[in-house]
């Protein structure tokens, strides 16, 4: 990992990322998972800290690094995030959920980390279980693996951006698409 990196894109435009890291999940048997690149924007306790500029920068990075994962980390607790911050990040997360057929994965998963995650003393799942409520409900199933950053993105989007689960979101999109196809067939 590396902090405070300035990247120069092919167009000559310069973009800064608060941190960049590579992540690779290991497997007990067989080959390890593919390495993923993660770009992060970090804020402390400032009010309305995640600005539209930050979102635009991350979206541009997503276009240059398809499949990369994006983290918005704040030391604040979720209830301290402004509605504007949540709305801005949510728009990027919705865009990032779109499926990239070529890569066979979502376009750009967005993870939101708050003080709850950043100040976890040992294990995230224990902290979330102790927090209770929706945190406990989402981490409780034994199959939930927060070491999978795409799963972590899905869970934090549900917790902090008030989005449906990725599976529910995809199902709803499929139903709307099927309904449109059905209407076209009826019109013919």
C-alpha atoms as a PDB file:
ATOM      1  CA  UNK A   1       0.000   0.000   0.000  1.00  0.00           C
ATOM      2  CA  UNK A   2       0.991   3.582  -0.438  1.00  0.00           C
ATOM      3  CA  UNK A   3      -0.467   6.843   0.811  1.00  0.00           C
ATOM      4  CA  UNK A   4      -0.919  10.204  -0.900  1.00  0.00           C
ATOM      5  CA  UNK A   5      -0.156   9.258  -4.485  1.00  0.00           C
ATOM      6  CA  UNK A   6      -0.524  11.552  -7.473  1.00  0.00           C
ATOM      7  CA  UNK A   7      -1.263   9.745 -10.714  1.00  0.00           C
ATOM      8  CA  UNK A   8      -0.781  11.180 -14.189  1.00  0.00           C
ATOM      9  CA  UNK A   9      -3.326   9.798 -16.636  1.00  0.00           C
ATOM     10  CA  UNK A  10      -2.611   9.257 -20.335  1.00  0.00           C
ATOM     11  CA  UNK A  11      -4.455  12.521 -21.039  1.00  0.00           C
ATOM     12  CA  UNK A  12      -1.926  14.342 -18.847  1.00  0.00           C
ATOM     13  CA  UNK A  13      -4.487  15.045 -16.144  1.00  0.00           C
ATOM     14  CA  UNK A  14      -3.212  14.553 -12.602  1.00  0.00           C
ATOM     15  CA  UNK A  15      -5.320  12.845  -9.930  1.00  0.00           C
ATOM     16  CA  UNK A  16      -4.468  12.294  -6.296  1.00  0.00           C
ATOM     17  CA  UNK A  17      -5.539   9.274  -4.243  1.00  0.00           C
ATOM     18  CA  UNK A  18      -5.233   9.382  -0.463  1.00  0.00           C
ATOM     19  CA  UNK A  19      -4.175   5.739  -0.561  1.00  0.00           C
ATOM     20  CA  UNK A  20      -3.695   2.960  -3.076  1.00  0.00           C
ATOM     21  CA  UNK A  21      -3.245  -0.693  -2.250  1.00  0.00           C
ATOM     22  CA  UNK A  22      -3.259  -4.094  -3.806  1.00  0.00           C
ATOM     23  CA  UNK A  23      -5.282  -6.806  -2.167  1.00  0.00           C
ATOM     24  CA  UNK A  24      -5.206 -10.528  -2.822  1.00  0.00           C
ATOM     25  CA  UNK A  25      -7.369 -13.026  -0.969  1.00  0.00           C
ATOM     26  CA  UNK A  26      -5.580 -16.259  -0.246  1.00  0.00           C
ATOM     27  CA  UNK A  27      -7.150 -19.693  -0.597  1.00  0.00           C
ATOM     28  CA  UNK A  28      -6.415 -22.740   1.512  1.00  0.00           C
ATOM     29  CA  UNK A  29      -6.414 -25.015  -1.529  1.00  0.00           C
ATOM     30  CA  UNK A  30      -5.917 -24.072  -5.160  1.00  0.00           C
ATOM     31  CA  UNK A  31      -4.830 -20.796  -6.675  1.00  0.00           C
ATOM     32  CA  UNK A  32      -5.231 -17.543  -4.811  1.00  0.00           C
ATOM     33  CA  UNK A  33      -7.780 -15.024  -6.041  1.00  0.00           C
ATOM     34  CA  UNK A  34      -6.753 -12.337  -8.523  1.00  0.00           C
ATOM     35  CA  UNK A  35      -5.077  -9.245  -7.113  1.00  0.00           C
ATOM     36  CA  UNK A  36      -7.357  -6.217  -6.893  1.00  0.00           C
ATOM     37  CA  UNK A  37      -6.336  -2.571  -6.877  1.00  0.00           C
ATOM     38  CA  UNK A  38      -7.987  -0.334  -4.288  1.00  0.00           C
ATOM     39  CA  UNK A  39      -8.131   3.471  -4.385  1.00  0.00           C
ATOM     40  CA  UNK A  40      -9.145   5.363  -1.290  1.00  0.00           C
ATOM     41  CA  UNK A  41     -10.336   8.773  -0.211  1.00  0.00           C
ATOM     42  CA  UNK A  42      -9.826   9.408   3.507  1.00  0.00           C
ATOM     43  CA  UNK A  43     -11.300  12.114   5.723  1.00  0.00           C
ATOM     44  CA  UNK A  44     -11.120  12.766   9.429  1.00  0.00           C
ATOM     45  CA  UNK A  45     -14.054  14.348  11.278  1.00  0.00           C
ATOM     46  CA  UNK A  46     -14.864  17.294   8.974  1.00  0.00           C
ATOM     47  CA  UNK A  47     -18.443  18.245   8.175  1.00  0.00           C
ATOM     48  CA  UNK A  48     -19.597  17.422   4.649  1.00  0.00           C
ATOM     49  CA  UNK A  49     -16.038  16.318   3.880  1.00  0.00           C
ATOM     50  CA  UNK A  50     -16.639  14.139   0.795  1.00  0.00           C
ATOM     51  CA  UNK A  51     -17.209  16.706  -1.953  1.00  0.00           C
ATOM     52  CA  UNK A  52     -18.375  16.217  -5.538  1.00  0.00           C
ATOM     53  CA  UNK A  53     -14.757  16.719  -6.610  1.00  0.00           C
ATOM     54  CA  UNK A  54     -13.780  13.586  -4.647  1.00  0.00           C
ATOM     55  CA  UNK A  55     -16.552  11.574  -6.292  1.00  0.00           C
ATOM     56  CA  UNK A  56     -15.643  12.811  -9.782  1.00  0.00           C
ATOM     57  CA  UNK A  57     -11.992  11.932  -9.196  1.00  0.00           C
ATOM     58  CA  UNK A  58     -12.878   8.392  -8.101  1.00  0.00           C
ATOM     59  CA  UNK A  59     -15.205   7.900 -11.072  1.00  0.00           C
ATOM     60  CA  UNK A  60     -12.459   8.995 -13.451  1.00  0.00           C
ATOM     61  CA  UNK A  61     -10.071   6.529 -11.792  1.00  0.00           C
ATOM     62  CA  UNK A  62     -12.739   3.826 -12.179  1.00  0.00           C
ATOM     63  CA  UNK A  63     -12.877   4.499 -15.903  1.00  0.00           C
ATOM     64  CA  UNK A  64      -9.088   4.150 -16.207  1.00  0.00           C
ATOM     65  CA  UNK A  65      -8.890   1.149 -13.864  1.00  0.00           C
ATOM     66  CA  UNK A  66     -11.941  -1.029 -14.624  1.00  0.00           C
ATOM     67  CA  UNK A  67     -12.838  -3.390 -11.791  1.00  0.00           C
ATOM     68  CA  UNK A  68     -10.873  -1.416  -9.195  1.00  0.00           C
ATOM     69  CA  UNK A  69     -12.381  -1.021  -5.751  1.00  0.00           C
ATOM     70  CA  UNK A  70     -13.010   2.390  -4.204  1.00  0.00           C
ATOM     71  CA  UNK A  71     -13.024   3.211  -0.512  1.00  0.00           C
ATOM     72  CA  UNK A  72     -14.468   6.268   1.197  1.00  0.00           C
ATOM     73  CA  UNK A  73     -13.112   6.238   4.737  1.00  0.00           C
ATOM     74  CA  UNK A  74     -14.103   8.667   7.464  1.00  0.00           C
ATOM     75  CA  UNK A  75     -13.326   8.626  11.163  1.00  0.00           C
ATOM     76  CA  UNK A  76     -16.873   9.886  11.768  1.00  0.00           C
ATOM     77  CA  UNK A  77     -19.670   7.534  12.694  1.00  0.00           C
ATOM     78  CA  UNK A  78     -22.320   6.881  10.023  1.00  0.00           C
ATOM     79  CA  UNK A  79     -24.894   9.213  11.564  1.00  0.00           C
ATOM     80  CA  UNK A  80     -22.378  12.072  11.292  1.00  0.00           C
ATOM     81  CA  UNK A  81     -22.112  11.739   7.498  1.00  0.00           C
ATOM     82  CA  UNK A  82     -24.168  14.487   5.862  1.00  0.00           C
ATOM     83  CA  UNK A  83     -27.089  13.614   3.592  1.00  0.00           C
ATOM     84  CA  UNK A  84     -25.167  15.298   0.775  1.00  0.00           C
ATOM     85  CA  UNK A  85     -22.112  13.083   1.355  1.00  0.00           C
ATOM     86  CA  UNK A  86     -24.264   9.955   1.438  1.00  0.00           C
ATOM     87  CA  UNK A  87     -26.113  11.024  -1.713  1.00  0.00           C
ATOM     88  CA  UNK A  88     -22.887  11.738  -3.621  1.00  0.00           C
ATOM     89  CA  UNK A  89     -21.250   8.460  -2.649  1.00  0.00           C
ATOM     90  CA  UNK A  90     -24.461   6.523  -3.321  1.00  0.00           C
ATOM     91  CA  UNK A  91     -24.631   7.815  -6.918  1.00  0.00           C
ATOM     92  CA  UNK A  92     -21.099   6.541  -7.530  1.00  0.00           C
ATOM     93  CA  UNK A  93     -21.907   3.231  -5.825  1.00  0.00           C
ATOM     94  CA  UNK A  94     -24.994   2.759  -8.018  1.00  0.00           C
ATOM     95  CA  UNK A  95     -22.924   3.489 -11.120  1.00  0.00           C
ATOM     96  CA  UNK A  96     -20.218   1.129  -9.862  1.00  0.00           C
ATOM     97  CA  UNK A  97     -22.691  -1.737  -9.367  1.00  0.00           C
ATOM     98  CA  UNK A  98     -23.299  -2.053 -13.101  1.00  0.00           C
ATOM     99  CA  UNK A  99     -22.044  -5.364 -14.450  1.00  0.00           C
ATOM    100  CA  UNK A 100     -19.068  -5.364 -16.807  1.00  0.00           C
ATOM    101  CA  UNK A 101     -19.603  -8.348 -19.126  1.00  0.00           C
ATOM    102  CA  UNK A 102     -16.024  -8.305 -20.389  1.00  0.00           C
ATOM    103  CA  UNK A 103     -14.529  -8.497 -16.889  1.00  0.00           C
ATOM    104  CA  UNK A 104     -17.410 -10.625 -15.497  1.00  0.00           C
ATOM    105  CA  UNK A 105     -17.736  -8.459 -12.410  1.00  0.00           C
ATOM    106  CA  UNK A 106     -19.228  -5.195 -11.257  1.00  0.00           C
ATOM    107  CA  UNK A 107     -17.756  -2.005 -12.685  1.00  0.00           C
ATOM    108  CA  UNK A 108     -16.383  -0.348  -9.535  1.00  0.00           C
ATOM    109  CA  UNK A 109     -17.416  -1.540  -6.061  1.00  0.00           C
ATOM    110  CA  UNK A 110     -17.578   1.216  -3.443  1.00  0.00           C
ATOM    111  CA  UNK A 111     -16.762   0.533   0.207  1.00  0.00           C
ATOM    112  CA  UNK A 112     -17.733   3.006   2.926  1.00  0.00           C
ATOM    113  CA  UNK A 113     -15.747   2.828   6.151  1.00  0.00           C
ATOM    114  CA  UNK A 114     -16.722   4.797   9.249  1.00  0.00           C
ATOM    115  CA  UNK A 115     -15.235   5.095  12.705  1.00  0.00           C
ATOM    116  CA  UNK A 116     -16.899   1.764  13.529  1.00  0.00           C
ATOM    117  CA  UNK A 117     -14.678  -0.052  11.035  1.00  0.00           C
ATOM    118  CA  UNK A 118     -11.562   2.107  11.322  1.00  0.00           C
ATOM    119  CA  UNK A 119     -11.393   1.811  15.111  1.00  0.00           C
ATOM    120  CA  UNK A 120     -12.207  -1.907  15.303  1.00  0.00           C
ATOM    121  CA  UNK A 121      -9.891  -3.315  17.995  1.00  0.00           C
ATOM    122  CA  UNK A 122      -9.596  -6.834  16.567  1.00  0.00           C
ATOM    123  CA  UNK A 123     -12.049  -8.302  14.063  1.00  0.00           C
ATOM    124  CA  UNK A 124     -14.694  -6.483  12.075  1.00  0.00           C
ATOM    125  CA  UNK A 125     -17.279  -9.239  12.460  1.00  0.00           C
ATOM    126  CA  UNK A 126     -16.975  -9.094  16.265  1.00  0.00           C
ATOM    127  CA  UNK A 127     -17.345  -5.302  16.306  1.00  0.00           C
ATOM    128  CA  UNK A 128     -20.403  -5.455  14.063  1.00  0.00           C
ATOM    129  CA  UNK A 129     -22.006  -8.197  16.178  1.00  0.00           C
ATOM    130  CA  UNK A 130     -21.403  -6.110  19.320  1.00  0.00           C
ATOM    131  CA  UNK A 131     -22.868  -3.024  17.624  1.00  0.00           C
ATOM    132  CA  UNK A 132     -26.090  -4.958  17.018  1.00  0.00           C
ATOM    133  CA  UNK A 133     -28.977  -3.986  14.778  1.00  0.00           C
ATOM    134  CA  UNK A 134     -28.442  -4.067  11.021  1.00  0.00           C
ATOM    135  CA  UNK A 135     -24.676  -4.513  11.496  1.00  0.00           C
ATOM    136  CA  UNK A 136     -25.232  -7.738  13.425  1.00  0.00           C
ATOM    137  CA  UNK A 137     -27.954  -8.923  11.046  1.00  0.00           C
ATOM    138  CA  UNK A 138     -25.716  -8.556   7.971  1.00  0.00           C
ATOM    139  CA  UNK A 139     -22.593 -10.143   9.482  1.00  0.00           C
ATOM    140  CA  UNK A 140     -24.371 -12.991  11.314  1.00  0.00           C
ATOM    141  CA  UNK A 141     -24.637 -15.543   8.453  1.00  0.00           C
ATOM    142  CA  UNK A 142     -21.625 -17.856   8.460  1.00  0.00           C
ATOM    143  CA  UNK A 143     -21.084 -17.468   4.707  1.00  0.00           C
ATOM    144  CA  UNK A 144     -20.439 -13.694   4.924  1.00  0.00           C
ATOM    145  CA  UNK A 145     -16.749 -13.044   4.246  1.00  0.00           C
ATOM    146  CA  UNK A 146     -15.628  -9.448   4.711  1.00  0.00           C
ATOM    147  CA  UNK A 147     -12.174 -10.368   3.403  1.00  0.00           C
ATOM    148  CA  UNK A 148     -13.908 -10.380  -0.002  1.00  0.00           C
ATOM    149  CA  UNK A 149     -13.888  -6.657  -0.759  1.00  0.00           C
ATOM    150  CA  UNK A 150     -16.900  -6.949  -3.074  1.00  0.00           C
ATOM    151  CA  UNK A 151     -18.916  -8.460  -0.218  1.00  0.00           C
ATOM    152  CA  UNK A 152     -17.647  -5.719   2.104  1.00  0.00           C
ATOM    153  CA  UNK A 153     -18.760  -3.125  -0.478  1.00  0.00           C
ATOM    154  CA  UNK A 154     -22.230  -4.663  -0.656  1.00  0.00           C
ATOM    155  CA  UNK A 155     -22.614  -4.718   3.126  1.00  0.00           C
ATOM    156  CA  UNK A 156     -21.323  -1.197   3.737  1.00  0.00           C
ATOM    157  CA  UNK A 157     -23.554   0.148   0.947  1.00  0.00           C
ATOM    158  CA  UNK A 158     -26.540  -1.410   2.699  1.00  0.00           C
ATOM    159  CA  UNK A 159     -25.447  -0.042   6.079  1.00  0.00           C
ATOM    160  CA  UNK A 160     -24.344   3.474   5.205  1.00  0.00           C
ATOM    161  CA  UNK A 161     -25.854   4.332   1.815  1.00  0.00           C
ATOM    162  CA  UNK A 162     -29.249   2.700   2.487  1.00  0.00           C
ATOM    163  CA  UNK A 163     -29.001   0.651  -0.699  1.00  0.00           C
ATOM    164  CA  UNK A 164     -30.577  -2.774  -1.216  1.00  0.00           C
ATOM    165  CA  UNK A 165     -28.265  -5.768  -1.303  1.00  0.00           C
ATOM    166  CA  UNK A 166     -26.420  -6.256  -4.584  1.00  0.00           C
ATOM    167  CA  UNK A 167     -28.439  -9.427  -5.240  1.00  0.00           C
ATOM    168  CA  UNK A 168     -31.765  -7.646  -4.672  1.00  0.00           C
ATOM    169  CA  UNK A 169     -30.622  -4.710  -6.799  1.00  0.00           C
ATOM    170  CA  UNK A 170     -29.685  -7.062  -9.692  1.00  0.00           C
ATOM    171  CA  UNK A 171     -32.984  -8.941  -9.359  1.00  0.00           C
ATOM    172  CA  UNK A 172     -34.965  -5.672  -9.508  1.00  0.00           C
ATOM    173  CA  UNK A 173     -33.019  -4.577 -12.606  1.00  0.00           C
ATOM    174  CA  UNK A 174     -33.689  -7.922 -14.265  1.00  0.00           C
ATOM    175  CA  UNK A 175     -37.432  -7.690 -13.479  1.00  0.00           C
ATOM    176  CA  UNK A 176     -37.650  -4.164 -14.942  1.00  0.00           C
ATOM    177  CA  UNK A 177     -35.791  -5.299 -18.048  1.00  0.00           C
ATOM    178  CA  UNK A 178     -38.067  -8.345 -18.432  1.00  0.00           C
ATOM    179  CA  UNK A 179     -41.120  -6.109 -18.070  1.00  0.00           C
ATOM    180  CA  UNK A 180     -39.831  -3.774 -20.813  1.00  0.00           C
ATOM    181  CA  UNK A 181     -39.167  -6.753 -23.099  1.00  0.00           C
ATOM    182  CA  UNK A 182     -42.659  -8.077 -22.401  1.00  0.00           C
ATOM    183  CA  UNK A 183     -44.228  -4.694 -23.290  1.00  0.00           C
ATOM    184  CA  UNK A 184     -42.269  -4.569 -26.575  1.00  0.00           C
ATOM    185  CA  UNK A 185     -43.510  -8.040 -27.514  1.00  0.00           C
ATOM    186  CA  UNK A 186     -47.113  -7.072 -26.721  1.00  0.00           C
ATOM    187  CA  UNK A 187     -46.842  -3.918 -28.897  1.00  0.00           C
ATOM    188  CA  UNK A 188     -45.732  -5.983 -31.911  1.00  0.00           C
END
